[in-house]
């Protein structure tokens, strides 16, 4: 029998909103080494989990179309010798799409299922579907699902030239099989 799946909490940082105060989550040293996208992802995730009353979810499932594109661009520019910037290992390590889910899981101490969906235009939908299916089947009870993307001038220009409106996303949703305190039931 399939279980119902509920949205227990959500947190979103919309483009144009002021950046939150990250000092409660990161030391100055940590914050300096993290790009804006990673800070936003950790912040929205922690806020959503706090609202849901869940310390560690059974799964961390993230959707991202472009990952940490700012770090990827910085690393590639340094590699090509553009901007005379030195090669920084941090930019390389934080340039992969699964960096977001991994960082959140490590910070939470979540040792369960961890996945990243990078299906351009359908990443968040894929992450939601995965979490919904696993909860409905009883494989997990709770999931943190996120949708995180950032824009750079080069990415914005590329997307606009393809007729695609560029958008940033920083959204975290907590799903569970528990209807108590739920915002709504998730249905597909």
C-alpha atoms as a PDB file:
ATOM      1  CA  UNK A   1       0.000   0.000   0.000  1.00  0.00           C
ATOM      2  CA  UNK A   2       1.307   3.436  -0.955  1.00  0.00           C
ATOM      3  CA  UNK A   3       1.628   5.968   1.865  1.00  0.00           C
ATOM      4  CA  UNK A   4       0.546   9.589   1.568  1.00  0.00           C
ATOM      5  CA  UNK A   5       3.306  12.177   1.361  1.00  0.00           C
ATOM      6  CA  UNK A   6       3.092  15.544   3.080  1.00  0.00           C
ATOM      7  CA  UNK A   7       4.911  18.855   2.794  1.00  0.00           C
ATOM      8  CA  UNK A   8       5.899  19.667   6.365  1.00  0.00           C
ATOM      9  CA  UNK A   9       7.838  22.883   5.716  1.00  0.00           C
ATOM     10  CA  UNK A  10       9.450  25.039   3.072  1.00  0.00           C
ATOM     11  CA  UNK A  11      11.881  27.906   2.917  1.00  0.00           C
ATOM     12  CA  UNK A  12      12.687  30.010  -0.120  1.00  0.00           C
ATOM     13  CA  UNK A  13      15.036  32.878  -0.846  1.00  0.00           C
ATOM     14  CA  UNK A  14      13.663  34.760  -3.812  1.00  0.00           C
ATOM     15  CA  UNK A  15      15.866  36.695  -6.227  1.00  0.00           C
ATOM     16  CA  UNK A  16      16.204  40.299  -5.135  1.00  0.00           C
ATOM     17  CA  UNK A  17      15.624  39.520  -1.464  1.00  0.00           C
ATOM     18  CA  UNK A  18      18.441  40.576   0.859  1.00  0.00           C
ATOM     19  CA  UNK A  19      20.896  37.878   1.814  1.00  0.00           C
ATOM     20  CA  UNK A  20      20.242  36.366   5.251  1.00  0.00           C
ATOM     21  CA  UNK A  21      22.703  36.671   8.102  1.00  0.00           C
ATOM     22  CA  UNK A  22      24.807  33.520   7.723  1.00  0.00           C
ATOM     23  CA  UNK A  23      26.906  34.094  10.860  1.00  0.00           C
ATOM     24  CA  UNK A  24      24.782  31.713  12.915  1.00  0.00           C
ATOM     25  CA  UNK A  25      25.586  28.874  10.489  1.00  0.00           C
ATOM     26  CA  UNK A  26      29.136  29.522   9.326  1.00  0.00           C
ATOM     27  CA  UNK A  27      32.372  30.709  10.797  1.00  0.00           C
ATOM     28  CA  UNK A  28      34.019  33.582   8.946  1.00  0.00           C
ATOM     29  CA  UNK A  29      36.557  31.124   7.540  1.00  0.00           C
ATOM     30  CA  UNK A  30      33.854  28.739   6.261  1.00  0.00           C
ATOM     31  CA  UNK A  31      31.788  31.540   4.737  1.00  0.00           C
ATOM     32  CA  UNK A  32      34.803  32.936   2.914  1.00  0.00           C
ATOM     33  CA  UNK A  33      35.394  29.611   1.177  1.00  0.00           C
ATOM     34  CA  UNK A  34      31.766  29.098   0.149  1.00  0.00           C
ATOM     35  CA  UNK A  35      30.049  30.608  -2.806  1.00  0.00           C
ATOM     36  CA  UNK A  36      26.728  32.380  -2.469  1.00  0.00           C
ATOM     37  CA  UNK A  37      24.777  29.388  -3.776  1.00  0.00           C
ATOM     38  CA  UNK A  38      26.163  27.004  -1.154  1.00  0.00           C
ATOM     39  CA  UNK A  39      25.437  29.450   1.657  1.00  0.00           C
ATOM     40  CA  UNK A  40      21.885  29.944   0.413  1.00  0.00           C
ATOM     41  CA  UNK A  41      21.379  26.174   0.076  1.00  0.00           C
ATOM     42  CA  UNK A  42      22.564  25.415   3.607  1.00  0.00           C
ATOM     43  CA  UNK A  43      20.569  28.316   5.059  1.00  0.00           C
ATOM     44  CA  UNK A  44      17.248  27.470   3.355  1.00  0.00           C
ATOM     45  CA  UNK A  45      17.695  23.779   4.184  1.00  0.00           C
ATOM     46  CA  UNK A  46      18.372  24.451   7.853  1.00  0.00           C
ATOM     47  CA  UNK A  47      15.393  26.816   8.066  1.00  0.00           C
ATOM     48  CA  UNK A  48      13.023  24.302   6.437  1.00  0.00           C
ATOM     49  CA  UNK A  49      14.217  21.462   8.690  1.00  0.00           C
ATOM     50  CA  UNK A  50      13.848  23.652  11.767  1.00  0.00           C
ATOM     51  CA  UNK A  51      10.268  24.573  10.774  1.00  0.00           C
ATOM     52  CA  UNK A  52       9.481  20.872  10.266  1.00  0.00           C
ATOM     53  CA  UNK A  53      11.069  19.908  13.595  1.00  0.00           C
ATOM     54  CA  UNK A  54      13.424  17.435  11.905  1.00  0.00           C
ATOM     55  CA  UNK A  55      17.103  17.415  12.843  1.00  0.00           C
ATOM     56  CA  UNK A  56      18.344  14.870  10.276  1.00  0.00           C
ATOM     57  CA  UNK A  57      16.229  13.730   7.314  1.00  0.00           C
ATOM     58  CA  UNK A  58      16.403  10.186   5.956  1.00  0.00           C
ATOM     59  CA  UNK A  59      17.343  11.564   2.522  1.00  0.00           C
ATOM     60  CA  UNK A  60      18.830  14.700   0.982  1.00  0.00           C
ATOM     61  CA  UNK A  61      17.682  15.070  -2.619  1.00  0.00           C
ATOM     62  CA  UNK A  62      18.613  18.141  -4.621  1.00  0.00           C
ATOM     63  CA  UNK A  63      17.651  19.436  -8.043  1.00  0.00           C
ATOM     64  CA  UNK A  64      19.964  21.846  -9.850  1.00  0.00           C
ATOM     65  CA  UNK A  65      20.154  22.750 -13.513  1.00  0.00           C
ATOM     66  CA  UNK A  66      23.672  24.181 -13.449  1.00  0.00           C
ATOM     67  CA  UNK A  67      25.178  23.392 -10.039  1.00  0.00           C
ATOM     68  CA  UNK A  68      27.728  25.799  -8.637  1.00  0.00           C
ATOM     69  CA  UNK A  69      28.274  27.523 -11.973  1.00  0.00           C
ATOM     70  CA  UNK A  70      30.120  30.491 -10.470  1.00  0.00           C
ATOM     71  CA  UNK A  71      32.816  28.169  -9.076  1.00  0.00           C
ATOM     72  CA  UNK A  72      32.930  26.234 -12.349  1.00  0.00           C
ATOM     73  CA  UNK A  73      33.442  29.428 -14.341  1.00  0.00           C
ATOM     74  CA  UNK A  74      36.124  30.682 -11.921  1.00  0.00           C
ATOM     75  CA  UNK A  75      38.017  27.413 -12.135  1.00  0.00           C
ATOM     76  CA  UNK A  76      37.824  27.273 -15.935  1.00  0.00           C
ATOM     77  CA  UNK A  77      38.916  30.916 -16.298  1.00  0.00           C
ATOM     78  CA  UNK A  78      41.912  30.256 -14.049  1.00  0.00           C
ATOM     79  CA  UNK A  79      42.716  27.079 -15.985  1.00  0.00           C
ATOM     80  CA  UNK A  80      42.690  28.996 -19.272  1.00  0.00           C
ATOM     81  CA  UNK A  81      44.729  31.857 -17.794  1.00  0.00           C
ATOM     82  CA  UNK A  82      41.915  34.394 -18.093  1.00  0.00           C
ATOM     83  CA  UNK A  83      41.841  37.118 -15.399  1.00  0.00           C
ATOM     84  CA  UNK A  84      45.312  36.053 -14.181  1.00  0.00           C
ATOM     85  CA  UNK A  85      43.631  34.230 -11.304  1.00  0.00           C
ATOM     86  CA  UNK A  86      45.479  31.372  -9.609  1.00  0.00           C
ATOM     87  CA  UNK A  87      44.031  27.868  -9.722  1.00  0.00           C
ATOM     88  CA  UNK A  88      42.134  27.355  -6.491  1.00  0.00           C
ATOM     89  CA  UNK A  89      41.324  23.834  -5.315  1.00  0.00           C
ATOM     90  CA  UNK A  90      38.168  25.124  -3.610  1.00  0.00           C
ATOM     91  CA  UNK A  91      36.724  26.283  -6.933  1.00  0.00           C
ATOM     92  CA  UNK A  92      37.407  22.861  -8.429  1.00  0.00           C
ATOM     93  CA  UNK A  93      35.992  20.926  -5.458  1.00  0.00           C
ATOM     94  CA  UNK A  94      32.869  23.065  -5.387  1.00  0.00           C
ATOM     95  CA  UNK A  95      32.274  23.018  -9.139  1.00  0.00           C
ATOM     96  CA  UNK A  96      30.424  19.709  -9.360  1.00  0.00           C
ATOM     97  CA  UNK A  97      26.640  19.518  -9.280  1.00  0.00           C
ATOM     98  CA  UNK A  98      26.517  17.161  -6.291  1.00  0.00           C
ATOM     99  CA  UNK A  99      28.506  19.551  -4.087  1.00  0.00           C
ATOM    100  CA  UNK A 100      25.262  21.091  -2.832  1.00  0.00           C
ATOM    101  CA  UNK A 101      23.635  17.853  -1.615  1.00  0.00           C
ATOM    102  CA  UNK A 102      26.926  16.578  -0.224  1.00  0.00           C
ATOM    103  CA  UNK A 103      27.629  19.719   1.786  1.00  0.00           C
ATOM    104  CA  UNK A 104      24.122  19.756   3.266  1.00  0.00           C
ATOM    105  CA  UNK A 105      24.303  16.051   4.188  1.00  0.00           C
ATOM    106  CA  UNK A 106      27.763  16.387   5.744  1.00  0.00           C
ATOM    107  CA  UNK A 107      26.712  19.400   7.827  1.00  0.00           C
ATOM    108  CA  UNK A 108      23.572  17.570   9.018  1.00  0.00           C
ATOM    109  CA  UNK A 109      25.305  14.268   9.654  1.00  0.00           C
ATOM    110  CA  UNK A 110      22.833  12.643   7.261  1.00  0.00           C
ATOM    111  CA  UNK A 111      24.260   9.274   6.252  1.00  0.00           C
ATOM    112  CA  UNK A 112      21.219   8.051   4.312  1.00  0.00           C
ATOM    113  CA  UNK A 113      20.204   8.440   0.693  1.00  0.00           C
ATOM    114  CA  UNK A 114      21.799  11.433  -1.039  1.00  0.00           C
ATOM    115  CA  UNK A 115      21.089  12.305  -4.668  1.00  0.00           C
ATOM    116  CA  UNK A 116      21.405  15.191  -7.081  1.00  0.00           C
ATOM    117  CA  UNK A 117      19.262  15.615 -10.172  1.00  0.00           C
ATOM    118  CA  UNK A 118      20.621  17.754 -12.946  1.00  0.00           C
ATOM    119  CA  UNK A 119      17.957  17.492 -15.618  1.00  0.00           C
ATOM    120  CA  UNK A 120      17.975  20.930 -17.140  1.00  0.00           C
ATOM    121  CA  UNK A 121      14.507  22.360 -16.664  1.00  0.00           C
ATOM    122  CA  UNK A 122      13.199  19.322 -14.753  1.00  0.00           C
ATOM    123  CA  UNK A 123      15.708  18.975 -11.935  1.00  0.00           C
ATOM    124  CA  UNK A 124      13.445  19.966  -9.058  1.00  0.00           C
ATOM    125  CA  UNK A 125      10.532  17.975 -10.414  1.00  0.00           C
ATOM    126  CA  UNK A 126      12.783  14.897 -10.622  1.00  0.00           C
ATOM    127  CA  UNK A 127      14.032  15.400  -7.060  1.00  0.00           C
ATOM    128  CA  UNK A 128      10.458  15.760  -5.766  1.00  0.00           C
ATOM    129  CA  UNK A 129       9.345  12.650  -7.644  1.00  0.00           C
ATOM    130  CA  UNK A 130      12.229  10.606  -6.213  1.00  0.00           C
ATOM    131  CA  UNK A 131      11.477  11.709  -2.631  1.00  0.00           C
ATOM    132  CA  UNK A 132       7.732  11.218  -3.049  1.00  0.00           C
ATOM    133  CA  UNK A 133       8.185   7.714  -4.436  1.00  0.00           C
ATOM    134  CA  UNK A 134      10.576   6.626  -1.695  1.00  0.00           C
ATOM    135  CA  UNK A 135       8.325   7.949   1.071  1.00  0.00           C
ATOM    136  CA  UNK A 136       5.175   6.497  -0.530  1.00  0.00           C
ATOM    137  CA  UNK A 137       6.838   3.073  -0.797  1.00  0.00           C
ATOM    138  CA  UNK A 138       8.035   3.211   2.812  1.00  0.00           C
ATOM    139  CA  UNK A 139      11.754   3.209   1.968  1.00  0.00           C
ATOM    140  CA  UNK A 140      12.243   6.455   3.907  1.00  0.00           C
ATOM    141  CA  UNK A 141      10.069   8.552   6.223  1.00  0.00           C
ATOM    142  CA  UNK A 142      11.526  12.042   5.677  1.00  0.00           C
ATOM    143  CA  UNK A 143      13.326  13.861   2.883  1.00  0.00           C
ATOM    144  CA  UNK A 144      14.883  17.265   2.436  1.00  0.00           C
ATOM    145  CA  UNK A 145      14.331  18.276  -1.176  1.00  0.00           C
ATOM    146  CA  UNK A 146      16.011  21.359  -2.606  1.00  0.00           C
ATOM    147  CA  UNK A 147      16.155  23.382  -5.788  1.00  0.00           C
ATOM    148  CA  UNK A 148      19.271  25.491  -6.062  1.00  0.00           C
ATOM    149  CA  UNK A 149      20.649  27.455  -9.001  1.00  0.00           C
ATOM    150  CA  UNK A 150      22.617  30.652  -9.374  1.00  0.00           C
ATOM    151  CA  UNK A 151      23.141  32.991 -12.298  1.00  0.00           C
ATOM    152  CA  UNK A 152      26.307  34.477 -13.651  1.00  0.00           C
ATOM    153  CA  UNK A 153      26.498  37.054 -16.439  1.00  0.00           C
ATOM    154  CA  UNK A 154      27.836  34.436 -18.881  1.00  0.00           C
ATOM    155  CA  UNK A 155      25.091  31.919 -18.034  1.00  0.00           C
ATOM    156  CA  UNK A 156      22.373  34.583 -18.241  1.00  0.00           C
ATOM    157  CA  UNK A 157      23.629  35.678 -21.651  1.00  0.00           C
ATOM    158  CA  UNK A 158      23.778  32.095 -22.899  1.00  0.00           C
ATOM    159  CA  UNK A 159      20.257  31.284 -21.706  1.00  0.00           C
ATOM    160  CA  UNK A 160      18.808  34.488 -23.154  1.00  0.00           C
ATOM    161  CA  UNK A 161      20.405  33.731 -26.526  1.00  0.00           C
ATOM    162  CA  UNK A 162      18.544  30.386 -26.454  1.00  0.00           C
ATOM    163  CA  UNK A 163      15.238  32.092 -25.639  1.00  0.00           C
ATOM    164  CA  UNK A 164      15.263  30.829 -22.040  1.00  0.00           C
ATOM    165  CA  UNK A 165      14.508  33.217 -19.202  1.00  0.00           C
ATOM    166  CA  UNK A 166      17.321  32.898 -16.631  1.00  0.00           C
ATOM    167  CA  UNK A 167      16.204  32.303 -13.036  1.00  0.00           C
ATOM    168  CA  UNK A 168      17.859  31.688  -9.697  1.00  0.00           C
ATOM    169  CA  UNK A 169      16.447  29.233  -7.182  1.00  0.00           C
ATOM    170  CA  UNK A 170      17.012  28.708  -3.480  1.00  0.00           C
ATOM    171  CA  UNK A 171      14.166  26.539  -2.227  1.00  0.00           C
ATOM    172  CA  UNK A 172      14.146  23.781   0.395  1.00  0.00           C
ATOM    173  CA  UNK A 173      11.137  21.584   1.152  1.00  0.00           C
ATOM    174  CA  UNK A 174      10.748  18.927   3.841  1.00  0.00           C
ATOM    175  CA  UNK A 175       8.572  15.962   2.880  1.00  0.00           C
ATOM    176  CA  UNK A 176       7.420  13.169   5.153  1.00  0.00           C
ATOM    177  CA  UNK A 177       4.846  10.452   5.716  1.00  0.00           C
ATOM    178  CA  UNK A 178       3.677  12.276   8.846  1.00  0.00           C
ATOM    179  CA  UNK A 179       0.576  14.471   8.366  1.00  0.00           C
ATOM    180  CA  UNK A 180       1.030  16.184  11.750  1.00  0.00           C
ATOM    181  CA  UNK A 181       1.665  19.880  11.200  1.00  0.00           C
ATOM    182  CA  UNK A 182       1.823  19.442   7.425  1.00  0.00           C
ATOM    183  CA  UNK A 183       1.289  22.396   5.132  1.00  0.00           C
ATOM    184  CA  UNK A 184      -0.373  20.198   2.519  1.00  0.00           C
ATOM    185  CA  UNK A 185      -0.418  16.727   0.993  1.00  0.00           C
ATOM    186  CA  UNK A 186       1.836  16.266  -2.017  1.00  0.00           C
ATOM    187  CA  UNK A 187       0.093  14.770  -4.988  1.00  0.00           C
ATOM    188  CA  UNK A 188       1.297  14.118  -8.504  1.00  0.00           C
END
